[in-house]
Structures are given as structure tokens and as C-alpha cells.
Amino acid sequence: MYDVIVIGGGPAGLTSALYVARAGKSVMLLEQNAFGGQMATAPKIENFPGVDSVDGATLANNMFEQAIAHGVEFDMGSGAVALVNEPTRHFVVTTEYSEYQAKSVIIASGVSHKHLGVEGESELIGRGVCFCAVCDGSFYKDKPVVVVGDGNSAVQYALYLATICSQVTLMTWSTKLFCDEEIAKRLKSNDKIEWVQNATVREIVGDDHVTGVAYADEIGAITYHDCDAVFVAIGQIPHNEAFSGLVELDERGYIVAGEDCKTSCDGLFVAGDCRTKGIRQCATAVGDGAVAGFSASMYVDKL
């Protein structure tokens, strides 16, 4: 039996595992795909403290190697958690290939961005197709960009990008914005933001890099719009289905937890983008990982 099992090998999970190992506890780290999560696919990261500029794959590999060097064990696979012994707080994590037991579990399963599903999108991810304005906006300083979406995130992206980019075009499927009234007013009064309504993106255009988007209006007429980047802000999907019977989820499927990273199930902690929080960045994921790893280690000491 392990002291702690960490589910998810993104920055939150890697940091959690590192902190648990450094606390002298045995820890198993589970990851279904590639260690580093979404961070590993970023072509350049320039907002991680202490690092001027690094590609995501290099940063992910450095975090992974550091965790392994401190004794973290790892296996490939996603896990579903069950609490099989209430008095002793005995957890069992079942993956596609194995079963592991632990005294505590940290869920760091992450999220995935919803995609438009149009031609050119997947091919140009990291080459003008972006999903995070805070992460990638500075790469398009003084250049025209498009934001697709009609919720709080999309409007906030547009407002943020307007402070950096030469022109921001917000494209929404209808004539409504589903966001806070205050930021809607700010968007409508910003001269650098053009709001294109009843617009359905059909294609993201470009060879080596985004050069524009083709969108249809309400009658189906196609228009081409020049831009250097497209920021897709149509929502995220947390990977928490496997834990819904054990921890409290909010209406969007995120695990309910505060800055202490404690869930509604004693002995089970959460870290990173999959929990309820306002800002989802590499730096905040690492912060969660430190808290969750320390908290899980303290929990094990009290058993």
C-alpha cells in the first residue's frame, strides 16, 4: 500500500508527487497520456517564475525527472477511486491495467479545452490557434487577433488582448453575450474590439501559421477575416467523471475545494485545473500541487 496516489501527471500532479516524496512518503503517480498535461504541448512558456522562456515539453520533462529523482514511482493509466474501508480510510485506485491501494489520494486530472472542430484548428494549434489569452497573448503584441466565444472567458480574453494586440475581433454565434454585465459594457465601449455577431467559424486558415478565419453569417454567406491568431474560448471539460460518486462536484463538473485543496471526502485532495478556482495557469497548478502534497502527507501522519 502506498501512502499517497496522485492521479494526473500535469504540473499540479508532478508537484504534488514531489512534495509527498520529499516528506518521506511512498507515492505512485498515474498519468494516462504524456506527463506534463496541457503544459507539455505549449510551444513557449514565458510566465513561469524564474524561467525567462522555455518550451512546455522541456519544462514538463524537467518536472518529471525531478520527481523521479526524489523517489516518485509512476505508471501509465487513468484511475477511478473507491473508498473501500471507512474506518481505516483505505482507498483503492483502479486503472485500465492495474489496481493500487493508498492511505490518501490526490486528484490532479486536469481539464481539456473545448474545440471548434473546424478545418485547420487542430493543425494550427501552437501556431496561432490558442486557448489561453494570458498564456499566449503577448506573442501577438501589436497584431490583429480573433476571439471565438460568448461567455465570461471570451469577453475577458477580448478585453485583455485589447491591451496588447492592435485589433481584437470577438465572434459570437448569436447577438447575446453570456457574461457579467459590467465586462459586457467594457467590451462594447472599447474601440479596439469589434464584435461580429451571428458568426459561425467554418475554417481557420493558414499553412505554417494562422493567417485568418472563414466564417458564415446568419444567412450562410462566407466571409474571410485576416488575423494572426485565433483564441478559442468556448469552455473547458474537467476530467472528473470517475470521481463523481466520491467527491462533491459543482454544476460544471469541477471538484469543489478551496485553497486548502481538501475535497468533501476525508483523505482525498484535489490540485490544479480540475478544481473550482478562478485562475488556471501553470503557476497556480504548481501552487495547488504544493498545498495538496503537503496536506496529504500531514493527513497520512495523523492516521
Protein backbone atom coordinates (compact mmCIF):
# COMPACT_ATOMS: atom_id res chain seq x y z
CA MET A 1 0.00 0.00 0.00
CA TYR A 2 1.25 3.47 -0.90
CA ASP A 3 0.96 6.43 1.41
CA VAL A 4 -0.37 8.59 -1.43
CA ILE A 5 -1.51 8.05 -5.00
CA VAL A 6 -1.55 11.05 -7.35
CA ILE A 7 -3.89 10.81 -10.35
CA GLY A 8 -2.68 13.04 -13.17
CA GLY A 9 0.81 13.96 -14.30
CA GLY A 10 0.42 17.62 -15.23
CA PRO A 11 2.20 20.39 -13.30
CA ALA A 12 -0.19 20.00 -10.35
CA GLY A 13 0.24 16.24 -10.15
CA LEU A 14 4.01 16.33 -10.64
CA THR A 15 4.39 18.95 -7.89
CA SER A 16 2.07 17.02 -5.56
CA ALA A 17 4.09 13.85 -6.03
CA LEU A 18 7.36 15.71 -5.47
CA TYR A 19 6.15 17.21 -2.19
CA VAL A 20 4.85 13.86 -0.95
CA ALA A 21 8.14 12.13 -1.77
CA ARG A 22 10.17 14.87 -0.09
CA ALA A 23 8.02 14.37 3.01
CA GLY A 24 9.34 10.82 3.16
CA LYS A 25 6.17 9.15 1.95
CA SER A 26 5.71 6.48 -0.70
CA VAL A 27 3.87 7.81 -3.71
CA MET A 28 2.55 6.44 -7.01
CA LEU A 29 1.94 8.89 -9.86
CA LEU A 30 -0.57 7.87 -12.54
CA GLU A 31 -0.85 9.52 -15.95
CA GLN A 32 -2.94 8.31 -18.87
CA ASN A 33 -1.20 10.15 -21.70
CA ALA A 34 2.00 12.20 -21.53
CA PHE A 35 3.48 13.71 -18.37
CA GLY A 36 3.11 17.47 -18.31
CA GLY A 37 -0.53 17.64 -19.41
CA GLN A 38 -1.50 20.66 -21.48
CA MET A 39 1.74 22.36 -20.43
CA ALA A 40 3.73 19.84 -22.48
CA THR A 41 2.07 20.98 -25.71
CA ALA A 42 2.84 24.69 -25.25
CA PRO A 43 5.42 25.88 -27.81
CA LYS A 44 6.71 28.57 -25.45
CA ILE A 45 6.13 29.46 -21.78
CA GLU A 46 7.29 32.87 -20.61
CA ASN A 47 5.22 33.44 -17.45
CA PHE A 48 6.58 30.72 -15.19
CA PRO A 49 8.53 32.29 -12.29
CA GLY A 50 12.29 32.04 -12.62
CA VAL A 51 12.21 30.89 -16.24
CA ASP A 52 12.66 33.51 -18.97
CA SER A 53 11.41 31.27 -21.77
CA VAL A 54 11.02 27.52 -22.20
CA ASP A 55 9.01 25.18 -24.36
CA GLY A 56 6.37 23.23 -22.45
CA ALA A 57 7.82 19.81 -23.24
CA THR A 58 11.18 20.76 -21.71
CA LEU A 59 9.59 22.17 -18.55
CA ALA A 60 7.38 19.08 -18.23
CA ASN A 61 10.39 16.77 -18.64
CA ASN A 62 12.36 18.72 -16.02
CA MET A 63 9.48 18.42 -13.52
CA PHE A 64 9.11 14.71 -14.25
CA GLU A 65 12.84 13.97 -13.89
CA GLN A 66 12.95 15.90 -10.62
CA ALA A 67 10.02 13.92 -9.20
CA ILE A 68 11.54 10.59 -10.23
CA ALA A 69 14.90 11.57 -8.75
CA HIS A 70 13.17 12.03 -5.39
CA GLY A 71 11.69 8.55 -5.42
CA VAL A 72 8.31 9.02 -7.06
CA GLU A 73 7.06 5.84 -8.74
CA PHE A 74 4.88 6.12 -11.81
CA ASP A 75 2.63 4.12 -14.07
CA MET A 76 0.56 4.85 -17.15
CA GLY A 77 -3.22 4.85 -16.83
CA SER A 78 -6.13 6.92 -15.56
CA GLY A 79 -7.69 5.90 -12.28
CA ALA A 80 -11.08 5.57 -10.67
CA VAL A 81 -11.06 5.85 -6.88
CA ALA A 82 -13.06 3.85 -4.35
CA LEU A 83 -13.09 4.17 -0.56
CA VAL A 84 -13.24 0.52 0.49
CA ASN A 85 -12.73 0.74 4.23
CA GLU A 86 -14.33 3.67 6.03
CA PRO A 87 -12.70 3.19 9.49
CA THR A 88 -9.15 2.95 8.12
CA ARG A 89 -9.68 5.36 5.19
CA HIS A 90 -8.37 2.77 2.73
CA PHE A 91 -8.52 3.89 -0.90
CA VAL A 92 -8.28 1.70 -3.98
CA VAL A 93 -7.42 3.20 -7.36
CA THR A 94 -8.25 1.03 -10.36
CA THR A 95 -6.69 1.77 -13.75
CA GLU A 96 -7.12 0.04 -17.11
CA TYR A 97 -4.29 -2.35 -16.26
CA SER A 98 -3.66 -2.34 -12.52
CA GLU A 99 -5.05 -1.74 -9.05
CA TYR A 100 -3.29 0.27 -6.34
CA GLN A 101 -4.03 0.91 -2.68
CA ALA A 102 -3.27 4.05 -0.71
CA LYS A 103 -3.98 5.87 2.52
CA SER A 104 -4.65 9.13 0.67
CA VAL A 105 -5.31 10.21 -2.91
CA ILE A 106 -4.65 13.47 -4.75
CA ILE A 107 -6.74 14.08 -7.88
CA ALA A 108 -4.94 16.22 -10.44
CA SER A 109 -6.81 15.03 -13.51
CA GLY A 110 -6.83 18.39 -15.30
CA VAL A 111 -9.15 19.68 -17.99
CA SER A 112 -9.28 19.84 -21.75
CA HIS A 113 -10.32 22.83 -23.83
CA LYS A 114 -13.40 22.51 -25.98
CA HIS A 115 -12.53 22.76 -29.65
CA LEU A 116 -14.47 24.26 -32.52
CA GLY A 117 -13.95 21.14 -34.59
CA VAL A 118 -13.36 23.05 -37.82
CA GLU A 119 -10.82 22.59 -40.59
CA GLY A 120 -7.38 23.95 -39.74
CA GLU A 121 -7.93 24.10 -35.97
CA SER A 122 -6.02 21.02 -34.83
CA GLU A 123 -3.32 21.50 -37.46
CA LEU A 124 -2.54 25.05 -36.29
CA ILE A 125 -2.63 24.58 -32.51
CA GLY A 126 0.50 26.28 -31.18
CA ARG A 127 0.89 28.13 -34.48
CA GLY A 128 -1.81 30.73 -34.00
CA VAL A 129 -4.64 28.64 -32.59
CA CYS A 130 -4.63 29.34 -28.84
CA PHE A 131 -6.82 28.54 -25.86
CA CYS A 132 -5.37 30.86 -23.22
CA ALA A 133 -5.04 34.63 -23.68
CA VAL A 134 -2.92 35.09 -20.56
CA CYS A 135 -0.52 32.37 -21.69
CA ASP A 136 -0.15 33.33 -25.35
CA GLY A 137 -1.44 36.88 -25.80
CA SER A 138 1.98 38.51 -25.56
CA PHE A 139 3.17 36.57 -28.62
CA TYR A 140 0.73 38.64 -30.70
CA LYS A 141 1.66 42.10 -29.50
CA ASP A 142 0.54 44.76 -31.99
CA LYS A 143 -1.08 42.15 -34.24
CA PRO A 144 -4.77 41.51 -35.06
CA VAL A 145 -6.41 38.54 -33.36
CA VAL A 146 -9.82 36.85 -33.20
CA VAL A 147 -11.58 35.55 -30.09
CA VAL A 148 -14.36 32.99 -30.52
CA GLY A 149 -16.93 32.61 -27.74
CA ASP A 150 -19.71 34.45 -25.95
CA GLY A 151 -19.18 33.78 -22.24
CA ASN A 152 -17.21 35.41 -19.45
CA SER A 153 -13.92 33.85 -20.53
CA ALA A 154 -14.27 35.01 -24.14
CA VAL A 155 -15.13 38.58 -23.18
CA GLN A 156 -12.34 38.72 -20.60
CA TYR A 157 -9.92 37.37 -23.21
CA ALA A 158 -11.01 40.08 -25.65
CA LEU A 159 -10.56 42.83 -23.07
CA TYR A 160 -7.15 41.52 -22.04
CA LEU A 161 -5.94 41.09 -25.61
CA ALA A 162 -7.09 44.63 -26.44
CA THR A 163 -4.34 45.90 -24.13
CA ILE A 164 -1.72 44.02 -26.17
CA CYS A 165 -2.91 43.49 -29.73
CA SER A 166 -3.56 46.01 -32.50
CA GLN A 167 -7.15 44.85 -33.04
CA VAL A 168 -9.41 42.25 -31.43
CA THR A 169 -12.42 40.75 -33.17
CA LEU A 170 -14.88 38.88 -30.97
CA MET A 171 -17.03 36.39 -32.89
CA THR A 172 -20.21 35.07 -31.29
CA TRP A 173 -22.82 32.64 -32.58
CA SER A 174 -25.75 34.89 -31.63
CA THR A 175 -26.44 38.53 -30.74
CA LYS A 176 -26.08 37.90 -27.00
CA LEU A 177 -23.19 37.86 -24.56
CA PHE A 178 -23.49 35.39 -21.68
CA CYS A 179 -21.27 37.23 -19.26
CA ASP A 180 -21.30 39.70 -16.39
CA GLU A 181 -22.98 42.96 -17.32
CA GLU A 182 -20.02 45.06 -16.22
CA ILE A 183 -17.49 43.41 -18.52
CA ALA A 184 -20.04 43.42 -21.37
CA LYS A 185 -20.25 47.21 -21.05
CA ARG A 186 -16.48 47.48 -21.07
CA LEU A 187 -16.26 45.39 -24.21
CA LYS A 188 -18.89 47.42 -26.08
CA SER A 189 -17.15 50.69 -25.23
CA ASN A 190 -13.66 49.52 -26.22
CA ASP A 191 -12.64 50.99 -29.58
CA LYS A 192 -10.07 48.26 -30.21
CA ILE A 193 -12.67 45.47 -30.05
CA GLU A 194 -15.00 44.68 -32.94
CA TRP A 195 -17.94 42.42 -32.07
CA VAL A 196 -19.10 40.28 -35.00
CA GLN A 197 -22.46 38.69 -34.21
CA ASN A 198 -24.19 35.66 -35.74
CA ALA A 199 -20.79 34.39 -36.86
CA THR A 200 -20.01 30.69 -37.16
CA VAL A 201 -16.35 29.90 -37.81
CA ARG A 202 -16.07 27.41 -40.67
CA GLU A 203 -12.32 27.24 -41.13
CA ILE A 204 -9.10 28.51 -39.61
CA VAL A 205 -6.82 29.41 -42.48
CA GLY A 206 -3.05 29.16 -42.69
CA ASP A 207 -0.14 26.95 -43.72
CA ASP A 208 2.67 27.27 -41.17
CA HIS A 209 0.74 29.81 -39.10
CA VAL A 210 -2.74 31.27 -38.82
CA THR A 211 -3.47 33.93 -41.42
CA GLY A 212 -7.23 34.28 -40.96
CA VAL A 213 -10.62 32.71 -40.38
CA ALA A 214 -13.53 31.99 -42.68
CA TYR A 215 -16.92 32.43 -41.00
CA ALA A 216 -20.56 32.22 -42.03
CA ASP A 217 -23.17 34.85 -41.16
CA GLU A 218 -26.83 34.20 -40.28
CA ILE A 219 -27.77 33.55 -43.92
CA GLY A 220 -24.75 31.35 -44.61
CA ALA A 221 -22.65 33.83 -46.56
CA ILE A 222 -18.92 33.18 -46.04
CA THR A 223 -16.55 36.00 -45.11
CA TYR A 224 -12.76 35.81 -44.78
CA HIS A 225 -11.18 37.78 -41.93
CA ASP A 226 -7.42 38.42 -41.64
CA CYS A 227 -5.77 37.75 -38.28
CA ASP A 228 -2.57 36.36 -36.80
CA ALA A 229 -4.17 34.26 -34.07
CA VAL A 230 -7.48 32.73 -33.04
CA PHE A 231 -8.24 32.39 -29.34
CA VAL A 232 -10.91 29.72 -28.81
CA ALA A 233 -12.83 30.37 -25.59
CA ILE A 234 -15.88 28.12 -25.68
CA GLY A 235 -15.33 26.30 -22.40
CA GLN A 236 -13.34 23.56 -20.73
CA ILE A 237 -14.13 19.99 -19.79
CA PRO A 238 -12.86 18.75 -16.39
CA HIS A 239 -11.87 15.08 -16.25
CA ASN A 240 -13.75 14.25 -13.06
CA GLU A 241 -16.44 11.77 -14.12
CA ALA A 242 -14.68 8.87 -12.40
CA PHE A 243 -14.83 10.66 -9.03
CA SER A 244 -18.43 11.90 -9.06
CA GLY A 245 -19.61 9.32 -6.53
CA LEU A 246 -16.89 10.13 -4.03
CA VAL A 247 -16.40 13.91 -4.03
CA GLU A 248 -18.67 16.90 -4.49
CA LEU A 249 -18.70 18.41 -7.98
CA ASP A 250 -20.12 21.78 -8.96
CA GLU A 251 -22.64 22.28 -11.76
CA ARG A 252 -19.86 22.34 -14.38
CA GLY A 253 -18.18 19.17 -13.16
CA TYR A 254 -15.28 20.71 -11.22
CA ILE A 255 -14.31 19.23 -7.85
CA VAL A 256 -15.41 21.55 -5.06
CA ALA A 257 -12.41 22.62 -2.97
CA GLY A 258 -10.87 25.82 -1.68
CA GLU A 259 -7.27 26.94 -1.44
CA ASP A 260 -6.61 24.13 1.07
CA CYS A 261 -7.31 21.61 -1.73
CA LYS A 262 -9.46 19.47 0.59
CA THR A 263 -12.44 17.75 -1.00
CA SER A 264 -15.69 16.63 0.61
CA CYS A 265 -14.11 13.19 1.18
CA ASP A 266 -11.67 12.98 4.07
CA GLY A 267 -8.26 11.90 2.86
CA LEU A 268 -8.89 12.84 -0.75
CA PHE A 269 -7.36 16.07 -2.08
CA VAL A 270 -7.50 17.88 -5.41
CA ALA A 271 -4.97 20.03 -7.23
CA GLY A 272 -4.86 22.04 -10.42
CA ASP A 273 -7.33 22.93 -13.12
CA CYS A 274 -9.87 20.23 -12.23
CA ARG A 275 -10.89 22.01 -9.01
CA THR A 276 -13.12 25.05 -8.54
CA LYS A 277 -10.92 28.12 -8.95
CA GLY A 278 -10.75 31.43 -10.76
CA ILE A 279 -7.36 31.28 -12.49
CA ARG A 280 -5.95 28.24 -14.28
CA GLN A 281 -2.25 28.63 -15.09
CA CYS A 282 0.91 26.53 -14.71
CA ALA A 283 1.89 28.64 -11.72
CA THR A 284 -1.44 28.17 -9.94
CA ALA A 285 -1.35 24.43 -10.68
CA VAL A 286 2.08 24.16 -9.11
CA GLY A 287 0.80 26.10 -6.08
CA ASP A 288 -2.11 23.69 -5.71
CA GLY A 289 0.27 20.77 -6.04
CA ALA A 290 2.44 22.02 -3.20
CA VAL A 291 -0.59 22.51 -0.94
CA ALA A 292 -2.18 19.17 -1.81
CA GLY A 293 1.09 17.27 -1.46
CA PHE A 294 1.84 18.78 1.92
CA SER A 295 -1.74 18.31 3.12
CA ALA A 296 -1.89 14.67 2.03
CA SER A 297 1.42 13.97 3.82
CA MET A 298 0.11 15.57 7.01
CA TYR A 299 -3.10 13.54 6.70
CA VAL A 300 -1.13 10.29 6.42
CA ASP A 301 0.93 11.24 9.50
CA LYS A 302 -2.27 11.61 11.53
CA LEU A 303 -3.65 8.17 10.69
